Amino acid sequence: MADVEASKRFYARALAPLDLGVTGEGDGWFSADELFVSSDGPATAGLHIAFQARDRDAVDRFHAAAIEAGGRDNGAPGERSYHPGYYGAYVLDPDGTNIEAVYHGPAKRSTPSVVFRWDA
């Protein structure tokens, strides 16, 4: 990670349309949803990280916000052929990581999310 603070600002703005943001932070690190970014060790390269969106509009807003926050377009919002209803957008973050917002179309979920809790 070249600049953790710059990345934190980028992700806070890019993920806001998905109702996600920075969920934790400390000296040289931050987390956003299930993403953990740290200045420890060599930068990871070639990653593709996807975040789920509630609808197509959220995907569109993610793409616009990420570009405005300094990301580089890597695939404008649109339908993809992965499965019926797949609608996604891709942006490269400040370190070149490919981040995606995806709406999988109308679907019945078994649970809204997975929640982890650690008892101290």
Protein backbone atom coordinates (compact mmCIF):
# COMPACT_ATOMS: atom_id res chain seq x y z
CA MET A 1 0.00 0.00 0.00
CA ALA A 2 1.63 3.20 -1.15
CA ASP A 3 -0.41 5.60 0.99
CA VAL A 4 -2.84 4.17 3.54
CA GLU A 5 -4.45 7.53 4.30
CA ALA A 6 -5.09 8.22 0.60
CA SER A 7 -6.57 4.75 0.20
CA LYS A 8 -8.77 5.25 3.26
CA ARG A 9 -10.14 8.50 1.82
CA PHE A 10 -10.73 6.80 -1.53
CA TYR A 11 -12.62 3.83 -0.07
CA ALA A 12 -14.69 6.02 2.26
CA ARG A 13 -15.96 7.98 -0.73
CA ALA A 14 -16.19 5.12 -3.24
CA LEU A 15 -18.11 2.78 -0.94
CA ALA A 16 -20.55 5.39 0.45
CA PRO A 17 -23.13 4.74 -2.33
CA LEU A 18 -23.16 1.09 -1.22
CA ASP A 19 -23.84 2.14 2.38
CA LEU A 20 -20.38 0.87 3.28
CA GLY A 21 -17.41 2.73 4.63
CA VAL A 22 -14.41 2.57 6.92
CA THR A 23 -15.31 0.25 9.80
CA GLY A 24 -12.03 0.29 11.70
CA GLU A 25 -8.68 2.00 11.64
CA GLY A 26 -5.38 2.26 13.43
CA ASP A 27 -1.78 3.25 12.87
CA GLY A 28 -1.00 2.17 9.29
CA TRP A 29 -4.23 0.23 8.61
CA PHE A 30 -7.97 0.46 8.06
CA SER A 31 -10.84 -1.85 7.25
CA ALA A 32 -13.89 -1.30 5.08
CA ASP A 33 -16.55 -3.99 5.13
CA GLU A 34 -14.47 -7.19 4.79
CA LEU A 35 -11.48 -5.43 3.17
CA PHE A 36 -8.38 -4.94 5.34
CA VAL A 37 -5.72 -2.50 4.10
CA SER A 38 -2.34 -2.23 5.79
CA SER A 39 1.05 -0.67 5.15
CA ASP A 40 2.69 -3.82 6.60
CA GLY A 41 4.66 -5.88 4.11
CA PRO A 42 4.76 -5.71 0.34
CA ALA A 43 1.72 -4.46 -1.55
CA THR A 44 -0.59 -7.15 -2.89
CA ALA A 45 -0.99 -6.98 -6.66
CA GLY A 46 -3.54 -8.29 -9.12
CA LEU A 47 -6.52 -8.36 -6.75
CA HIS A 48 -10.17 -8.13 -7.74
CA ILE A 49 -12.50 -7.26 -4.88
CA ALA A 50 -16.29 -7.17 -5.32
CA PHE A 51 -18.84 -5.41 -3.13
CA GLN A 52 -22.54 -6.15 -3.44
CA ALA A 53 -24.95 -3.36 -4.31
CA ARG A 54 -28.66 -3.26 -3.48
CA ASP A 55 -29.64 -2.20 -7.02
CA ARG A 56 -28.35 -0.93 -10.35
CA ASP A 57 -28.53 2.70 -9.24
CA ALA A 58 -26.10 1.95 -6.38
CA VAL A 59 -23.67 0.42 -8.90
CA ASP A 60 -23.90 3.56 -11.04
CA ARG A 61 -23.37 5.83 -8.02
CA PHE A 62 -20.41 3.70 -6.82
CA HIS A 63 -18.71 4.04 -10.20
CA ALA A 64 -19.20 7.81 -10.31
CA ALA A 65 -18.06 8.27 -6.69
CA ALA A 66 -14.99 6.07 -7.17
CA ILE A 67 -13.92 7.99 -10.30
CA GLU A 68 -14.51 11.30 -8.50
CA ALA A 69 -12.41 10.02 -5.58
CA GLY A 70 -9.44 9.39 -7.88
CA GLY A 71 -10.07 5.87 -9.14
CA ARG A 72 -9.54 4.90 -12.77
CA ASP A 73 -12.34 3.43 -14.87
CA ASN A 74 -11.87 -0.28 -15.53
CA GLY A 75 -15.37 -1.07 -16.82
CA ALA A 76 -18.35 1.27 -16.92
CA PRO A 77 -21.62 0.19 -15.29
CA GLY A 78 -23.53 -2.33 -17.35
CA GLU A 79 -24.87 -5.83 -17.68
CA ARG A 80 -22.35 -8.63 -17.82
CA SER A 81 -22.80 -12.13 -19.22
CA TYR A 82 -21.83 -13.93 -15.99
CA HIS A 83 -25.47 -14.77 -15.22
CA PRO A 84 -28.89 -13.22 -15.94
CA GLY A 85 -29.31 -9.93 -14.09
CA TYR A 86 -25.58 -9.41 -13.36
CA TYR A 87 -24.93 -5.65 -13.40
CA GLY A 88 -21.49 -4.41 -12.40
CA ALA A 89 -18.91 -1.64 -12.63
CA TYR A 90 -15.14 -1.78 -12.18
CA VAL A 91 -12.66 0.83 -10.96
CA LEU A 92 -8.95 0.63 -10.19
CA ASP A 93 -8.17 1.99 -6.72
CA PRO A 94 -5.11 4.22 -6.07
CA ASP A 95 -2.86 1.13 -5.91
CA GLY A 96 -4.29 -0.52 -9.04
CA THR A 97 -6.58 -3.01 -7.29
CA ASN A 98 -9.67 -3.78 -9.37
CA ILE A 99 -12.73 -3.06 -7.24
CA GLU A 100 -16.23 -3.88 -8.39
CA ALA A 101 -19.74 -3.06 -7.31
CA VAL A 102 -22.21 -5.71 -8.43
CA TYR A 103 -25.95 -6.15 -8.34
CA HIS A 104 -26.88 -9.76 -8.99
CA GLY A 105 -30.46 -8.96 -9.97
CA PRO A 106 -33.60 -9.88 -8.09
CA ALA A 107 -32.81 -12.84 -5.90
CA LYS A 108 -34.05 -14.47 -2.75
CA ARG A 109 -31.26 -14.49 -0.19
CA SER A 110 -30.95 -17.09 2.54
CA THR A 111 -29.67 -14.39 4.91
CA PRO A 112 -28.99 -10.64 4.51
CA SER A 113 -25.36 -11.04 5.58
CA VAL A 114 -22.91 -13.08 7.56
CA VAL A 115 -22.08 -11.56 10.94
CA PHE A 116 -18.97 -12.54 12.87
CA ARG A 117 -18.71 -11.96 16.61
CA TRP A 118 -15.82 -12.77 18.85
CA ASP A 119 -16.47 -13.11 22.57
CA ALA A 120 -13.69 -11.67 24.68
